[in-house]
């Protein structure tokens, strides 16, 4: 499970050969969630409201990179790190 980014205790990652729709996984302490890349909405899991807001803000800034990583992981198994939220 490649780690794409890490900031403020939030870890963003994707799995190789994961199922559609395109999404990324978020881990924050004991919380877990799966976020749809296109809609930027929770598909599964739960995050505290403040953390979800930070994740969505970060994802809006890096949506194209997230889409590219999704496609690259599915086709070649390669990925690129994404800058954290600062």
PDB file of N, CA and C in Angstrom:
ATOM      1  N   UNK A   1       0.847  -1.172   0.000  1.00  0.00           N
ATOM      2  CA  UNK A   1       0.000   0.000   0.000  1.00  0.00           C
ATOM      3  C   UNK A   1       0.887   1.228   0.000  1.00  0.00           C
ATOM      4  N   UNK A   2       1.075   1.824  -1.145  1.00  0.00           N
ATOM      5  CA  UNK A   2       1.940   3.000  -1.258  1.00  0.00           C
ATOM      6  C   UNK A   2       1.382   4.218  -0.521  1.00  0.00           C
ATOM      7  N   UNK A   3       2.231   4.807   0.290  1.00  0.00           N
ATOM      8  CA  UNK A   3       1.878   6.048   0.978  1.00  0.00           C
ATOM      9  C   UNK A   3       2.138   7.207   0.028  1.00  0.00           C
ATOM     10  N   UNK A   4       1.092   7.978  -0.254  1.00  0.00           N
ATOM     11  CA  UNK A   4       1.214   9.096  -1.187  1.00  0.00           C
ATOM     12  C   UNK A   4       1.589  10.397  -0.484  1.00  0.00           C
ATOM     13  N   UNK A   5       1.057  10.590   0.728  1.00  0.00           N
ATOM     14  CA  UNK A   5       1.315  11.840   1.436  1.00  0.00           C
ATOM     15  C   UNK A   5       1.049  11.634   2.924  1.00  0.00           C
ATOM     16  N   UNK A   6       1.651  12.515   3.729  1.00  0.00           N
ATOM     17  CA  UNK A   6       1.470  12.469   5.176  1.00  0.00           C
ATOM     18  C   UNK A   6       1.552  13.897   5.696  1.00  0.00           C
ATOM     19  N   UNK A   7       0.554  14.312   6.471  1.00  0.00           N
ATOM     20  CA  UNK A   7       0.559  15.648   7.056  1.00  0.00           C
ATOM     21  C   UNK A   7      -0.373  15.684   8.258  1.00  0.00           C
ATOM     22  N   UNK A   8       0.028  16.384   9.289  1.00  0.00           N
ATOM     23  CA  UNK A   8      -0.790  16.609  10.493  1.00  0.00           C
ATOM     24  C   UNK A   8      -1.348  15.313  11.070  1.00  0.00           C
ATOM     25  N   UNK A   9      -0.583  14.239  11.000  1.00  0.00           N
ATOM     26  CA  UNK A   9      -1.022  12.950  11.514  1.00  0.00           C
ATOM     27  C   UNK A   9      -1.951  12.185  10.581  1.00  0.00           C
ATOM     28  N   UNK A  10      -2.182  12.732   9.400  1.00  0.00           N
ATOM     29  CA  UNK A  10      -3.055  12.119   8.392  1.00  0.00           C
ATOM     30  C   UNK A  10      -2.180  11.402   7.373  1.00  0.00           C
ATOM     31  N   UNK A  11      -2.515  10.156   7.064  1.00  0.00           N
ATOM     32  CA  UNK A  11      -1.770   9.385   6.068  1.00  0.00           C
ATOM     33  C   UNK A  11      -2.702   9.088   4.901  1.00  0.00           C
ATOM     34  N   UNK A  12      -2.228   9.404   3.695  1.00  0.00           N
ATOM     35  CA  UNK A  12      -2.986   9.177   2.464  1.00  0.00           C
ATOM     36  C   UNK A  12      -2.279   8.066   1.685  1.00  0.00           C
ATOM     37  N   UNK A  13      -3.033   7.058   1.264  1.00  0.00           N
ATOM     38  CA  UNK A  13      -2.429   5.963   0.521  1.00  0.00           C
ATOM     39  C   UNK A  13      -3.414   5.362  -0.470  1.00  0.00           C
ATOM     40  N   UNK A  14      -2.876   4.542  -1.377  1.00  0.00           N
ATOM     41  CA  UNK A  14      -3.670   3.790  -2.349  1.00  0.00           C
ATOM     42  C   UNK A  14      -3.155   2.366  -2.369  1.00  0.00           C
ATOM     43  N   UNK A  15      -4.002   1.464  -2.813  1.00  0.00           N
ATOM     44  CA  UNK A  15      -3.596   0.076  -2.995  1.00  0.00           C
ATOM     45  C   UNK A  15      -3.321  -0.189  -4.471  1.00  0.00           C
ATOM     46  N   UNK A  16      -2.433  -1.133  -4.748  1.00  0.00           N
ATOM     47  CA  UNK A  16      -2.222  -1.606  -6.110  1.00  0.00           C
ATOM     48  C   UNK A  16      -3.467  -2.374  -6.554  1.00  0.00           C
ATOM     49  N   UNK A  17      -3.861  -2.216  -7.804  1.00  0.00           N
ATOM     50  CA  UNK A  17      -4.970  -2.977  -8.395  1.00  0.00           C
ATOM     51  C   UNK A  17      -6.243  -2.934  -7.549  1.00  0.00           C
ATOM     52  N   UNK A  18      -6.600  -1.769  -7.071  1.00  0.00           N
ATOM     53  CA  UNK A  18      -7.807  -1.595  -6.267  1.00  0.00           C
ATOM     54  C   UNK A  18      -9.031  -1.517  -7.185  1.00  0.00           C
ATOM     55  N   UNK A  19     -10.210  -1.583  -6.611  1.00  0.00           N
ATOM     56  CA  UNK A  19     -11.472  -1.585  -7.353  1.00  0.00           C
ATOM     57  C   UNK A  19     -11.930  -0.160  -7.664  1.00  0.00           C
ATOM     58  N   UNK A  20     -12.777  -0.025  -8.679  1.00  0.00           N
ATOM     59  CA  UNK A  20     -13.380   1.272  -9.007  1.00  0.00           C
ATOM     60  C   UNK A  20     -14.526   1.548  -8.048  1.00  0.00           C
ATOM     61  N   UNK A  21     -14.906   2.795  -7.856  1.00  0.00           N
ATOM     62  CA  UNK A  21     -14.407   4.012  -8.501  1.00  0.00           C
ATOM     63  C   UNK A  21     -13.040   4.408  -7.946  1.00  0.00           C
ATOM     64  N   UNK A  22     -12.365   5.275  -8.707  1.00  0.00           N
ATOM     65  CA  UNK A  22     -11.044   5.754  -8.296  1.00  0.00           C
ATOM     66  C   UNK A  22     -11.158   6.409  -6.924  1.00  0.00           C
ATOM     67  N   UNK A  23     -10.285   6.011  -6.004  1.00  0.00           N
ATOM     68  CA  UNK A  23     -10.366   6.511  -4.641  1.00  0.00           C
ATOM     69  C   UNK A  23      -9.009   6.433  -3.955  1.00  0.00           C
ATOM     70  N   UNK A  24      -8.934   7.055  -2.788  1.00  0.00           N
ATOM     71  CA  UNK A  24      -7.750   6.921  -1.951  1.00  0.00           C
ATOM     72  C   UNK A  24      -8.186   6.632  -0.527  1.00  0.00           C
ATOM     73  N   UNK A  25      -7.270   6.111   0.247  1.00  0.00           N
ATOM     74  CA  UNK A  25      -7.530   5.729   1.626  1.00  0.00           C
ATOM     75  C   UNK A  25      -6.895   6.756   2.556  1.00  0.00           C
ATOM     76  N   UNK A  26      -7.556   6.987   3.678  1.00  0.00           N
ATOM     77  CA  UNK A  26      -7.074   7.931   4.682  1.00  0.00           C
ATOM     78  C   UNK A  26      -7.027   7.222   6.027  1.00  0.00           C
ATOM     79  N   UNK A  27      -5.921   7.434   6.736  1.00  0.00           N
ATOM     80  CA  UNK A  27      -5.785   6.914   8.092  1.00  0.00           C
ATOM     81  C   UNK A  27      -5.446   8.086   8.994  1.00  0.00           C
ATOM     82  N   UNK A  28      -6.177   8.202  10.084  1.00  0.00           N
ATOM     83  CA  UNK A  28      -5.908   9.231  11.090  1.00  0.00           C
ATOM     84  C   UNK A  28      -6.194   8.623  12.456  1.00  0.00           C
ATOM     85  N   UNK A  29      -5.159   8.398  13.246  1.00  0.00           N
ATOM     86  CA  UNK A  29      -5.293   7.700  14.526  1.00  0.00           C
ATOM     87  C   UNK A  29      -6.080   6.409  14.314  1.00  0.00           C
ATOM     88  N   UNK A  30      -7.199   6.229  15.000  1.00  0.00           N
ATOM     89  CA  UNK A  30      -7.994   5.006  14.846  1.00  0.00           C
ATOM     90  C   UNK A  30      -9.062   5.121  13.764  1.00  0.00           C
ATOM     91  N   UNK A  31      -9.121   6.238  13.079  1.00  0.00           N
ATOM     92  CA  UNK A  31     -10.115   6.473  12.028  1.00  0.00           C
ATOM     93  C   UNK A  31      -9.585   6.032  10.678  1.00  0.00           C
ATOM     94  N   UNK A  32     -10.493   5.524   9.846  1.00  0.00           N
ATOM     95  CA  UNK A  32     -10.167   5.127   8.479  1.00  0.00           C
ATOM     96  C   UNK A  32     -11.304   5.589   7.571  1.00  0.00           C
ATOM     97  N   UNK A  33     -10.953   5.971   6.351  1.00  0.00           N
ATOM     98  CA  UNK A  33     -11.978   6.336   5.372  1.00  0.00           C
ATOM     99  C   UNK A  33     -11.442   6.107   3.966  1.00  0.00           C
ATOM    100  N   UNK A  34     -12.376   5.918   3.054  1.00  0.00           N
ATOM    101  CA  UNK A  34     -12.067   5.819   1.627  1.00  0.00           C
ATOM    102  C   UNK A  34     -12.758   7.004   0.960  1.00  0.00           C
ATOM    103  N   UNK A  35     -11.992   7.771   0.176  1.00  0.00           N
ATOM    104  CA  UNK A  35     -12.493   8.999  -0.446  1.00  0.00           C
ATOM    105  C   UNK A  35     -12.505   8.853  -1.966  1.00  0.00           C
ATOM    106  N   UNK A  36     -13.647   9.118  -2.574  1.00  0.00           N
ATOM    107  CA  UNK A  36     -13.795   9.111  -4.029  1.00  0.00           C
ATOM    108  C   UNK A  36     -13.017  10.287  -4.604  1.00  0.00           C
ATOM    109  N   UNK A  37     -12.145  10.039  -5.566  1.00  0.00           N
ATOM    110  CA  UNK A  37     -11.298  11.089  -6.132  1.00  0.00           C
ATOM    111  C   UNK A  37     -12.119  12.090  -6.946  1.00  0.00           C
ATOM    112  N   UNK A  38     -13.071  11.626  -7.696  1.00  0.00           N
ATOM    113  CA  UNK A  38     -13.858  12.507  -8.561  1.00  0.00           C
ATOM    114  C   UNK A  38     -14.816  13.388  -7.756  1.00  0.00           C
ATOM    115  N   UNK A  39     -15.541  12.770  -6.840  1.00  0.00           N
ATOM    116  CA  UNK A  39     -16.569  13.484  -6.071  1.00  0.00           C
ATOM    117  C   UNK A  39     -16.040  14.109  -4.785  1.00  0.00           C
ATOM    118  N   UNK A  40     -14.842  13.677  -4.358  1.00  0.00           N
ATOM    119  CA  UNK A  40     -14.260  14.109  -3.084  1.00  0.00           C
ATOM    120  C   UNK A  40     -15.257  13.937  -1.941  1.00  0.00           C
ATOM    121  N   UNK A  41     -15.792  12.735  -1.871  1.00  0.00           N
ATOM    122  CA  UNK A  41     -16.761  12.376  -0.844  1.00  0.00           C
ATOM    123  C   UNK A  41     -16.374  11.024  -0.249  1.00  0.00           C
ATOM    124  N   UNK A  42     -16.767  10.799   1.001  1.00  0.00           N
ATOM    125  CA  UNK A  42     -16.474   9.534   1.663  1.00  0.00           C
ATOM    126  C   UNK A  42     -17.300   8.414   1.034  1.00  0.00           C
ATOM    127  N   UNK A  43     -16.604   7.347   0.628  1.00  0.00           N
ATOM    128  CA  UNK A  43     -17.267   6.142   0.128  1.00  0.00           C
ATOM    129  C   UNK A  43     -17.519   5.168   1.271  1.00  0.00           C
ATOM    130  N   UNK A  44     -16.609   5.162   2.235  1.00  0.00           N
ATOM    131  CA  UNK A  44     -16.698   4.227   3.345  1.00  0.00           C
ATOM    132  C   UNK A  44     -15.867   4.754   4.495  1.00  0.00           C
ATOM    133  N   UNK A  45     -16.286   4.477   5.714  1.00  0.00           N
ATOM    134  CA  UNK A  45     -15.528   4.863   6.890  1.00  0.00           C
ATOM    135  C   UNK A  45     -15.976   6.184   7.476  1.00  0.00           C
ATOM    136  N   UNK A  46     -15.143   6.711   8.367  1.00  0.00           N
ATOM    137  CA  UNK A  46     -15.480   7.946   9.068  1.00  0.00           C
ATOM    138  C   UNK A  46     -14.203   8.670   9.480  1.00  0.00           C
ATOM    139  N   UNK A  47     -14.247   9.991   9.398  1.00  0.00           N
ATOM    140  CA  UNK A  47     -13.172  10.862   9.886  1.00  0.00           C
ATOM    141  C   UNK A  47     -13.804  11.977  10.697  1.00  0.00           C
ATOM    142  N   UNK A  48     -13.092  12.481  11.710  1.00  0.00           N
ATOM    143  CA  UNK A  48     -13.599  13.669  12.401  1.00  0.00           C
ATOM    144  C   UNK A  48     -13.786  14.803  11.391  1.00  0.00           C
ATOM    145  N   UNK A  49     -14.773  15.657  11.622  1.00  0.00           N
ATOM    146  CA  UNK A  49     -15.112  16.724  10.671  1.00  0.00           C
ATOM    147  C   UNK A  49     -13.908  17.587  10.322  1.00  0.00           C
ATOM    148  N   UNK A  50     -13.106  17.968  11.297  1.00  0.00           N
ATOM    149  CA  UNK A  50     -11.940  18.810  11.045  1.00  0.00           C
ATOM    150  C   UNK A  50     -10.935  18.106  10.125  1.00  0.00           C
ATOM    151  N   UNK A  51     -10.707  16.828  10.386  1.00  0.00           N
ATOM    152  CA  UNK A  51      -9.773  16.044   9.571  1.00  0.00           C
ATOM    153  C   UNK A  51     -10.321  15.874   8.159  1.00  0.00           C
ATOM    154  N   UNK A  52     -11.601  15.571   8.034  1.00  0.00           N
ATOM    155  CA  UNK A  52     -12.209  15.443   6.716  1.00  0.00           C
ATOM    156  C   UNK A  52     -12.056  16.743   5.934  1.00  0.00           C
ATOM    157  N   UNK A  53     -12.266  17.869   6.574  1.00  0.00           N
ATOM    158  CA  UNK A  53     -12.092  19.160   5.910  1.00  0.00           C
ATOM    159  C   UNK A  53     -10.683  19.346   5.388  1.00  0.00           C
ATOM    160  N   UNK A  54      -9.695  18.961   6.174  1.00  0.00           N
ATOM    161  CA  UNK A  54      -8.290  19.079   5.747  1.00  0.00           C
ATOM    162  C   UNK A  54      -8.002  18.142   4.574  1.00  0.00           C
ATOM    163  N   UNK A  55      -8.520  16.934   4.652  1.00  0.00           N
ATOM    164  CA  UNK A  55      -8.299  15.958   3.576  1.00  0.00           C
ATOM    165  C   UNK A  55      -8.936  16.447   2.278  1.00  0.00           C
ATOM    166  N   UNK A  56     -10.143  16.960   2.339  1.00  0.00           N
ATOM    167  CA  UNK A  56     -10.818  17.454   1.135  1.00  0.00           C
ATOM    168  C   UNK A  56     -10.078  18.663   0.576  1.00  0.00           C
ATOM    169  N   UNK A  57      -9.636  19.556   1.448  1.00  0.00           N
ATOM    170  CA  UNK A  57      -8.852  20.717   0.989  1.00  0.00           C
ATOM    171  C   UNK A  57      -7.594  20.258   0.260  1.00  0.00           C
ATOM    172  N   UNK A  58      -6.888  19.294   0.837  1.00  0.00           N
ATOM    173  CA  UNK A  58      -5.674  18.753   0.226  1.00  0.00           C
ATOM    174  C   UNK A  58      -6.011  18.083  -1.115  1.00  0.00           C
ATOM    175  N   UNK A  59      -7.080  17.272  -1.128  1.00  0.00           N
ATOM    176  CA  UNK A  59      -7.447  16.540  -2.341  1.00  0.00           C
ATOM    177  C   UNK A  59      -7.863  17.472  -3.474  1.00  0.00           C
ATOM    178  N   UNK A  60      -8.527  18.572  -3.148  1.00  0.00           N
ATOM    179  CA  UNK A  60      -8.894  19.557  -4.180  1.00  0.00           C
ATOM    180  C   UNK A  60      -7.648  20.127  -4.839  1.00  0.00           C
ATOM    181  N   UNK A  61      -6.621  20.371  -4.051  1.00  0.00           N
ATOM    182  CA  UNK A  61      -5.365  20.922  -4.583  1.00  0.00           C
ATOM    183  C   UNK A  61      -4.609  19.912  -5.437  1.00  0.00           C
ATOM    184  N   UNK A  62      -4.816  18.627  -5.169  1.00  0.00           N
ATOM    185  CA  UNK A  62      -4.010  17.581  -5.812  1.00  0.00           C
ATOM    186  C   UNK A  62      -4.851  16.553  -6.566  1.00  0.00           C
ATOM    187  N   UNK A  63      -6.045  16.942  -6.982  1.00  0.00           N
ATOM    188  CA  UNK A  63      -6.952  16.001  -7.629  1.00  0.00           C
ATOM    189  C   UNK A  63      -6.345  15.392  -8.898  1.00  0.00           C
ATOM    190  N   UNK A  64      -5.685  16.194  -9.708  1.00  0.00           N
ATOM    191  CA  UNK A  64      -5.070  15.659 -10.930  1.00  0.00           C
ATOM    192  C   UNK A  64      -3.972  14.659 -10.608  1.00  0.00           C
ATOM    193  N   UNK A  65      -3.170  14.943  -9.586  1.00  0.00           N
ATOM    194  CA  UNK A  65      -2.111  14.016  -9.178  1.00  0.00           C
ATOM    195  C   UNK A  65      -2.699  12.718  -8.632  1.00  0.00           C
ATOM    196  N   UNK A  66      -3.800  12.827  -7.907  1.00  0.00           N
ATOM    197  CA  UNK A  66      -4.462  11.630  -7.394  1.00  0.00           C
ATOM    198  C   UNK A  66      -4.980  10.762  -8.541  1.00  0.00           C
ATOM    199  N   UNK A  67      -5.594  11.386  -9.535  1.00  0.00           N
ATOM    200  CA  UNK A  67      -6.084  10.638 -10.699  1.00  0.00           C
ATOM    201  C   UNK A  67      -4.930   9.957 -11.435  1.00  0.00           C
ATOM    202  N   UNK A  68      -3.830  10.683 -11.599  1.00  0.00           N
ATOM    203  CA  UNK A  68      -2.666  10.108 -12.276  1.00  0.00           C
ATOM    204  C   UNK A  68      -2.116   8.926 -11.485  1.00  0.00           C
ATOM    205  N   UNK A  69      -1.989   9.083 -10.179  1.00  0.00           N
ATOM    206  CA  UNK A  69      -1.501   7.974  -9.357  1.00  0.00           C
ATOM    207  C   UNK A  69      -2.429   6.775  -9.444  1.00  0.00           C
ATOM    208  N   UNK A  70      -3.737   7.005  -9.430  1.00  0.00           N
ATOM    209  CA  UNK A  70      -4.691   5.900  -9.551  1.00  0.00           C
ATOM    210  C   UNK A  70      -4.436   5.137 -10.859  1.00  0.00           C
ATOM    211  N   UNK A  71      -4.358   5.862 -11.961  1.00  0.00           N
ATOM    212  CA  UNK A  71      -4.147   5.223 -13.262  1.00  0.00           C
ATOM    213  C   UNK A  71      -2.785   4.538 -13.343  1.00  0.00           C
ATOM    214  N   UNK A  72      -1.752   5.191 -12.819  1.00  0.00           N
ATOM    215  CA  UNK A  72      -0.413   4.604 -12.858  1.00  0.00           C
ATOM    216  C   UNK A  72      -0.325   3.340 -12.011  1.00  0.00           C
ATOM    217  N   UNK A  73      -0.912   3.357 -10.834  1.00  0.00           N
ATOM    218  CA  UNK A  73      -0.869   2.166  -9.980  1.00  0.00           C
ATOM    219  C   UNK A  73      -1.589   0.994 -10.627  1.00  0.00           C
ATOM    220  N   UNK A  74      -2.696   1.272 -11.286  1.00  0.00           N
ATOM    221  CA  UNK A  74      -3.463   0.212 -11.940  1.00  0.00           C
ATOM    222  C   UNK A  74      -2.709  -0.354 -13.142  1.00  0.00           C
ATOM    223  N   UNK A  75      -2.080   0.521 -13.922  1.00  0.00           N
ATOM    224  CA  UNK A  75      -1.461   0.065 -15.174  1.00  0.00           C
ATOM    225  C   UNK A  75      -0.003  -0.366 -15.031  1.00  0.00           C
ATOM    226  N   UNK A  76       0.792   0.388 -14.258  1.00  0.00           N
ATOM    227  CA  UNK A  76       2.237   0.084 -14.187  1.00  0.00           C
ATOM    228  C   UNK A  76       2.718  -0.275 -12.790  1.00  0.00           C
ATOM    229  N   UNK A  77       1.908  -0.007 -11.776  1.00  0.00           N
ATOM    230  CA  UNK A  77       2.342  -0.260 -10.409  1.00  0.00           C
ATOM    231  C   UNK A  77       3.226   0.833  -9.847  1.00  0.00           C
ATOM    232  N   UNK A  78       3.394   1.918 -10.616  1.00  0.00           N
ATOM    233  CA  UNK A  78       4.231   3.020 -10.154  1.00  0.00           C
ATOM    234  C   UNK A  78       3.352   4.150  -9.619  1.00  0.00           C
ATOM    235  N   UNK A  79       3.958   4.988  -8.784  1.00  0.00           N
ATOM    236  CA  UNK A  79       3.235   6.116  -8.211  1.00  0.00           C
ATOM    237  C   UNK A  79       4.225   7.217  -7.858  1.00  0.00           C
ATOM    238  N   UNK A  80       3.691   8.388  -7.568  1.00  0.00           N
ATOM    239  CA  UNK A  80       4.507   9.530  -7.164  1.00  0.00           C
ATOM    240  C   UNK A  80       3.984  10.073  -5.854  1.00  0.00           C
ATOM    241  N   UNK A  81       4.895  10.492  -5.013  1.00  0.00           N
ATOM    242  CA  UNK A  81       4.510  11.144  -3.757  1.00  0.00           C
ATOM    243  C   UNK A  81       3.822  12.471  -4.096  1.00  0.00           C
ATOM    244  N   UNK A  82       2.914  12.902  -3.211  1.00  0.00           N
ATOM    245  CA  UNK A  82       2.193  14.146  -3.395  1.00  0.00           C
ATOM    246  C   UNK A  82       2.510  15.047  -2.196  1.00  0.00           C
ATOM    247  N   UNK A  83       2.739  16.314  -2.463  1.00  0.00           N
ATOM    248  CA  UNK A  83       3.107  17.266  -1.410  1.00  0.00           C
ATOM    249  C   UNK A  83       2.035  17.302  -0.326  1.00  0.00           C
ATOM    250  N   UNK A  84       2.455  17.442   0.921  1.00  0.00           N
ATOM    251  CA  UNK A  84       1.489  17.548   2.016  1.00  0.00           C
ATOM    252  C   UNK A  84       0.792  18.894   2.038  1.00  0.00           C
ATOM    253  N   UNK A  85      -0.249  18.961   2.822  1.00  0.00           N
ATOM    254  CA  UNK A  85      -0.940  20.240   3.058  1.00  0.00           C
ATOM    255  C   UNK A  85      -0.075  21.061   3.996  1.00  0.00           C
ATOM    256  N   UNK A  86       0.194  22.292   3.605  1.00  0.00           N
ATOM    257  CA  UNK A  86       1.036  23.162   4.449  1.00  0.00           C
ATOM    258  C   UNK A  86       0.272  24.381   4.910  1.00  0.00           C
TER     259      UNK A  86
END
